[in-house]
Amino acid sequence: MRKEIRTNLQYVDLLNEWDPFQLKNGGYETEIADTIQAVHELNDSSLLAQRIQTIYEFSFEKLIPMESCLKIAEELLAIKTNESCSI
């Protein structure tokens, strides 16, 4: 499997596990796609957290606490960093 696909699937798994609105059955496909795009564009966890908060707020009209967004942003960027450093 290509490295980019494997990395994107790791992002999907992490974001599905996060489940910020406790939907339990997914339902975040659009938000996950937008978040993965943001991960590819940004390298700063604070900026990524703000983007994640905006993406989910736009869809669900509910605000996720910034601390939660920052935690997931850091985890996503850790995956990005690990994959870019691997052989």
Foldseek 3Di string as FASTA:
>chain_A
DDLVVVLLVVLVVLVQVLPQPPPVPDPCVVLSVQLVVVLVVDLDLLVSLVSSQVSVCVVPVDGRDSVSSSVSSVVSNVSVVVSVPDD
